[in-house]
Amino acid sequence: MTERHMLDIVHNQHPVTLTPGASVQEACSLMRKHRIGAILVVEEKNRLTGIFTGRDAVCRVLAEGRDPANTRLEDVMTTAPVTMKPGSTANDALHLMQDGGFRHIPVIDNGLVIGIVSKGDFRGLEQARLDDETEIWERI
């Protein structure tokens, strides 16, 4: 099996995004609706300005007693998040997640958001690799 690249993983994605002025409540509602753990925060023309995760909601909003309806993403998001390019490999992403303690990494091309990868994406890739390997062994 050949090494997967970020573009292979995100090519059909339609990442969920909000603007910096959106509320935490709106972000959390979208995360629940789409069953995702992160919202990409973008400015005009889909330029990434930050990322807001479920962990941010707990640690930066709820634990600090902030009101999610009146807290803007720009006040609690992670600014300038670590990103990957479309040509980066799945192995690169896994190492970056492990070393940085990240669960989600935006994929950016020429400054524009094209997708986001999460640890869950790689569990699926690993299962596909194991299925391929099992099929090969069964033919032997």
C-alpha atoms as a PDB file:
ATOM      1  CA  MET A   1       0.000   0.000   0.000  1.00  0.00           C
ATOM      2  CA  THR A   2       1.413   3.398  -0.948  1.00  0.00           C
ATOM      3  CA  GLU A   3       1.839   6.218   1.529  1.00  0.00           C
ATOM      4  CA  ARG A   4      -1.310   8.328   1.794  1.00  0.00           C
ATOM      5  CA  HIS A   5      -1.032  12.101   1.522  1.00  0.00           C
ATOM      6  CA  MET A   6      -3.209  14.742   3.141  1.00  0.00           C
ATOM      7  CA  LEU A   7      -4.883  15.524  -0.184  1.00  0.00           C
ATOM      8  CA  ASP A   8      -5.938  11.855  -0.471  1.00  0.00           C
ATOM      9  CA  ILE A   9      -7.651  12.127   2.908  1.00  0.00           C
ATOM     10  CA  VAL A  10      -9.328  15.539   2.589  1.00  0.00           C
ATOM     11  CA  HIS A  11     -10.121  15.710  -1.140  1.00  0.00           C
ATOM     12  CA  ASN A  12     -13.891  15.248  -0.631  1.00  0.00           C
ATOM     13  CA  GLN A  13     -14.177  17.187   2.619  1.00  0.00           C
ATOM     14  CA  HIS A  14     -16.305  20.218   3.220  1.00  0.00           C
ATOM     15  CA  PRO A  15     -14.765  21.479   6.463  1.00  0.00           C
ATOM     16  CA  VAL A  16     -17.073  23.150   8.952  1.00  0.00           C
ATOM     17  CA  THR A  17     -15.969  26.745   9.477  1.00  0.00           C
ATOM     18  CA  LEU A  18     -17.053  29.824  11.391  1.00  0.00           C
ATOM     19  CA  THR A  19     -15.807  33.392  11.596  1.00  0.00           C
ATOM     20  CA  PRO A  20     -13.884  34.715  14.620  1.00  0.00           C
ATOM     21  CA  GLY A  21     -16.940  36.659  15.808  1.00  0.00           C
ATOM     22  CA  ALA A  22     -19.169  33.576  16.071  1.00  0.00           C
ATOM     23  CA  SER A  23     -20.162  32.423  19.544  1.00  0.00           C
ATOM     24  CA  VAL A  24     -18.839  29.373  21.335  1.00  0.00           C
ATOM     25  CA  GLN A  25     -22.435  28.180  21.630  1.00  0.00           C
ATOM     26  CA  GLU A  26     -22.801  28.264  17.840  1.00  0.00           C
ATOM     27  CA  ALA A  27     -19.521  26.378  17.432  1.00  0.00           C
ATOM     28  CA  CYS A  28     -20.528  23.706  19.939  1.00  0.00           C
ATOM     29  CA  SER A  29     -23.920  23.294  18.258  1.00  0.00           C
ATOM     30  CA  LEU A  30     -22.222  22.760  14.898  1.00  0.00           C
ATOM     31  CA  MET A  31     -19.754  20.289  16.381  1.00  0.00           C
ATOM     32  CA  ARG A  32     -22.644  18.276  17.813  1.00  0.00           C
ATOM     33  CA  LYS A  33     -24.686  18.479  14.603  1.00  0.00           C
ATOM     34  CA  HIS A  34     -21.795  17.317  12.405  1.00  0.00           C
ATOM     35  CA  ARG A  35     -20.326  14.932  15.001  1.00  0.00           C
ATOM     36  CA  ILE A  36     -16.905  16.574  14.829  1.00  0.00           C
ATOM     37  CA  GLY A  37     -14.407  17.658  17.454  1.00  0.00           C
ATOM     38  CA  ALA A  38     -13.143  20.904  15.933  1.00  0.00           C
ATOM     39  CA  ILE A  39     -14.265  23.980  14.022  1.00  0.00           C
ATOM     40  CA  LEU A  40     -11.897  25.841  11.731  1.00  0.00           C
ATOM     41  CA  VAL A  41     -12.073  29.585  12.292  1.00  0.00           C
ATOM     42  CA  VAL A  42     -11.638  31.486   9.047  1.00  0.00           C
ATOM     43  CA  GLU A  43     -11.655  35.032   7.807  1.00  0.00           C
ATOM     44  CA  GLU A  44     -12.741  36.126   4.356  1.00  0.00           C
ATOM     45  CA  LYS A  45     -11.878  33.877   1.426  1.00  0.00           C
ATOM     46  CA  ASN A  46     -11.415  30.856   3.706  1.00  0.00           C
ATOM     47  CA  ARG A  47      -8.120  32.008   5.249  1.00  0.00           C
ATOM     48  CA  LEU A  48      -7.427  30.144   8.484  1.00  0.00           C
ATOM     49  CA  THR A  49      -7.151  32.303  11.587  1.00  0.00           C
ATOM     50  CA  GLY A  50      -7.604  29.647  14.281  1.00  0.00           C
ATOM     51  CA  ILE A  51      -9.124  26.395  15.450  1.00  0.00           C
ATOM     52  CA  PHE A  52     -11.679  25.773  18.187  1.00  0.00           C
ATOM     53  CA  THR A  53     -11.985  22.291  19.682  1.00  0.00           C
ATOM     54  CA  GLY A  54     -14.080  20.507  22.254  1.00  0.00           C
ATOM     55  CA  ARG A  55     -11.076  20.685  24.539  1.00  0.00           C
ATOM     56  CA  ASP A  56     -11.075  24.488  24.159  1.00  0.00           C
ATOM     57  CA  ALA A  57     -14.774  24.560  25.089  1.00  0.00           C
ATOM     58  CA  VAL A  58     -14.083  22.701  28.320  1.00  0.00           C
ATOM     59  CA  CYS A  59     -10.775  24.292  29.348  1.00  0.00           C
ATOM     60  CA  ARG A  60     -11.161  27.874  28.101  1.00  0.00           C
ATOM     61  CA  VAL A  61     -14.896  28.425  28.429  1.00  0.00           C
ATOM     62  CA  LEU A  62     -16.707  26.135  30.858  1.00  0.00           C
ATOM     63  CA  ALA A  63     -13.873  25.674  33.367  1.00  0.00           C
ATOM     64  CA  GLU A  64     -13.396  29.461  33.479  1.00  0.00           C
ATOM     65  CA  GLY A  65     -17.095  30.147  34.033  1.00  0.00           C
ATOM     66  CA  ARG A  66     -17.631  31.934  30.713  1.00  0.00           C
ATOM     67  CA  ASP A  67     -21.030  32.070  29.051  1.00  0.00           C
ATOM     68  CA  PRO A  68     -20.829  30.146  25.725  1.00  0.00           C
ATOM     69  CA  ALA A  69     -23.566  32.303  24.185  1.00  0.00           C
ATOM     70  CA  ASN A  70     -21.620  35.503  24.904  1.00  0.00           C
ATOM     71  CA  THR A  71     -18.071  34.277  24.310  1.00  0.00           C
ATOM     72  CA  ARG A  72     -16.640  34.811  20.847  1.00  0.00           C
ATOM     73  CA  LEU A  73     -14.392  32.245  19.214  1.00  0.00           C
ATOM     74  CA  GLU A  74     -11.645  34.808  18.684  1.00  0.00           C
ATOM     75  CA  ASP A  75     -11.346  35.123  22.477  1.00  0.00           C
ATOM     76  CA  VAL A  76     -10.839  31.410  23.170  1.00  0.00           C
ATOM     77  CA  MET A  77      -9.640  29.712  19.972  1.00  0.00           C
ATOM     78  CA  THR A  78      -6.120  28.499  19.336  1.00  0.00           C
ATOM     79  CA  THR A  79      -4.581  31.106  17.067  1.00  0.00           C
ATOM     80  CA  ALA A  80      -2.019  30.224  14.401  1.00  0.00           C
ATOM     81  CA  PRO A  81      -2.565  26.462  14.740  1.00  0.00           C
ATOM     82  CA  VAL A  82      -0.061  23.981  13.397  1.00  0.00           C
ATOM     83  CA  THR A  83      -1.052  23.052   9.836  1.00  0.00           C
ATOM     84  CA  MET A  84      -0.074  20.609   7.123  1.00  0.00           C
ATOM     85  CA  LYS A  85       0.246  20.935   3.358  1.00  0.00           C
ATOM     86  CA  PRO A  86      -1.665  18.726   0.895  1.00  0.00           C
ATOM     87  CA  GLY A  87       1.517  16.838  -0.019  1.00  0.00           C
ATOM     88  CA  SER A  88       2.373  15.925   3.579  1.00  0.00           C
ATOM     89  CA  THR A  89       2.059  12.232   4.361  1.00  0.00           C
ATOM     90  CA  ALA A  90      -0.209  10.469   6.813  1.00  0.00           C
ATOM     91  CA  ASN A  91       2.925   9.378   8.653  1.00  0.00           C
ATOM     92  CA  ASP A  92       4.004  13.036   8.963  1.00  0.00           C
ATOM     93  CA  ALA A  93       0.597  13.913  10.420  1.00  0.00           C
ATOM     94  CA  LEU A  94       0.660  11.065  12.927  1.00  0.00           C
ATOM     95  CA  HIS A  95       4.104  12.092  14.166  1.00  0.00           C
ATOM     96  CA  LEU A  96       3.021  15.729  14.431  1.00  0.00           C
ATOM     97  CA  MET A  97      -0.099  14.759  16.381  1.00  0.00           C
ATOM     98  CA  GLN A  98       1.899  12.550  18.719  1.00  0.00           C
ATOM     99  CA  ASP A  99       4.690  15.077  19.295  1.00  0.00           C
ATOM    100  CA  GLY A 100       2.383  18.093  19.659  1.00  0.00           C
ATOM    101  CA  GLY A 101      -0.478  16.421  21.510  1.00  0.00           C
ATOM    102  CA  PHE A 102      -2.944  17.414  18.770  1.00  0.00           C
ATOM    103  CA  ARG A 103      -6.126  15.605  17.780  1.00  0.00           C
ATOM    104  CA  HIS A 104      -6.877  17.774  14.736  1.00  0.00           C
ATOM    105  CA  ILE A 105      -4.646  19.424  12.134  1.00  0.00           C
ATOM    106  CA  PRO A 106      -5.937  21.779   9.425  1.00  0.00           C
ATOM    107  CA  VAL A 107      -4.718  21.143   5.879  1.00  0.00           C
ATOM    108  CA  ILE A 108      -3.864  24.374   4.081  1.00  0.00           C
ATOM    109  CA  ASP A 109      -3.003  25.068   0.433  1.00  0.00           C
ATOM    110  CA  ASN A 110      -1.671  28.534  -0.455  1.00  0.00           C
ATOM    111  CA  GLY A 111      -3.084  29.921   2.783  1.00  0.00           C
ATOM    112  CA  LEU A 112      -6.592  28.537   2.185  1.00  0.00           C
ATOM    113  CA  VAL A 113      -8.340  25.806   4.154  1.00  0.00           C
ATOM    114  CA  ILE A 114      -8.912  22.631   2.129  1.00  0.00           C
ATOM    115  CA  GLY A 115      -9.650  20.253   4.997  1.00  0.00           C
ATOM    116  CA  ILE A 116      -8.824  18.944   8.425  1.00  0.00           C
ATOM    117  CA  VAL A 117      -7.418  15.611   9.562  1.00  0.00           C
ATOM    118  CA  SER A 118      -8.068  14.002  12.905  1.00  0.00           C
ATOM    119  CA  LYS A 119      -6.817  10.954  14.744  1.00  0.00           C
ATOM    120  CA  GLY A 120     -10.010   9.183  13.682  1.00  0.00           C
ATOM    121  CA  ASP A 121      -9.036   9.527  10.014  1.00  0.00           C
ATOM    122  CA  PHE A 122      -5.921   7.503  10.669  1.00  0.00           C
ATOM    123  CA  ARG A 123      -7.727   4.742  12.525  1.00  0.00           C
ATOM    124  CA  GLY A 124      -9.720   4.218   9.336  1.00  0.00           C
ATOM    125  CA  LEU A 125      -6.569   4.215   7.205  1.00  0.00           C
ATOM    126  CA  GLU A 126      -4.915   1.682   9.485  1.00  0.00           C
ATOM    127  CA  GLN A 127      -7.968  -0.579   9.295  1.00  0.00           C
ATOM    128  CA  ALA A 128      -7.899  -0.383   5.483  1.00  0.00           C
ATOM    129  CA  ARG A 129      -4.196  -1.275   5.500  1.00  0.00           C
ATOM    130  CA  LEU A 130      -4.839  -4.272   7.751  1.00  0.00           C
ATOM    131  CA  ASP A 131      -7.721  -5.403   5.532  1.00  0.00           C
ATOM    132  CA  ASP A 132      -5.441  -5.232   2.466  1.00  0.00           C
ATOM    133  CA  GLU A 133      -2.737  -7.174   4.272  1.00  0.00           C
ATOM    134  CA  THR A 134      -5.215  -9.833   5.411  1.00  0.00           C
ATOM    135  CA  GLU A 135      -6.488 -10.230   1.854  1.00  0.00           C
ATOM    136  CA  ILE A 136      -2.931 -10.765   0.601  1.00  0.00           C
ATOM    137  CA  TRP A 137      -2.246 -13.396   3.257  1.00  0.00           C
ATOM    138  CA  GLU A 138      -5.505 -15.186   2.471  1.00  0.00           C
ATOM    139  CA  ARG A 139      -4.459 -15.500  -1.188  1.00  0.00           C
ATOM    140  CA  ILE A 140      -1.142 -17.108  -0.239  1.00  0.00           C
END
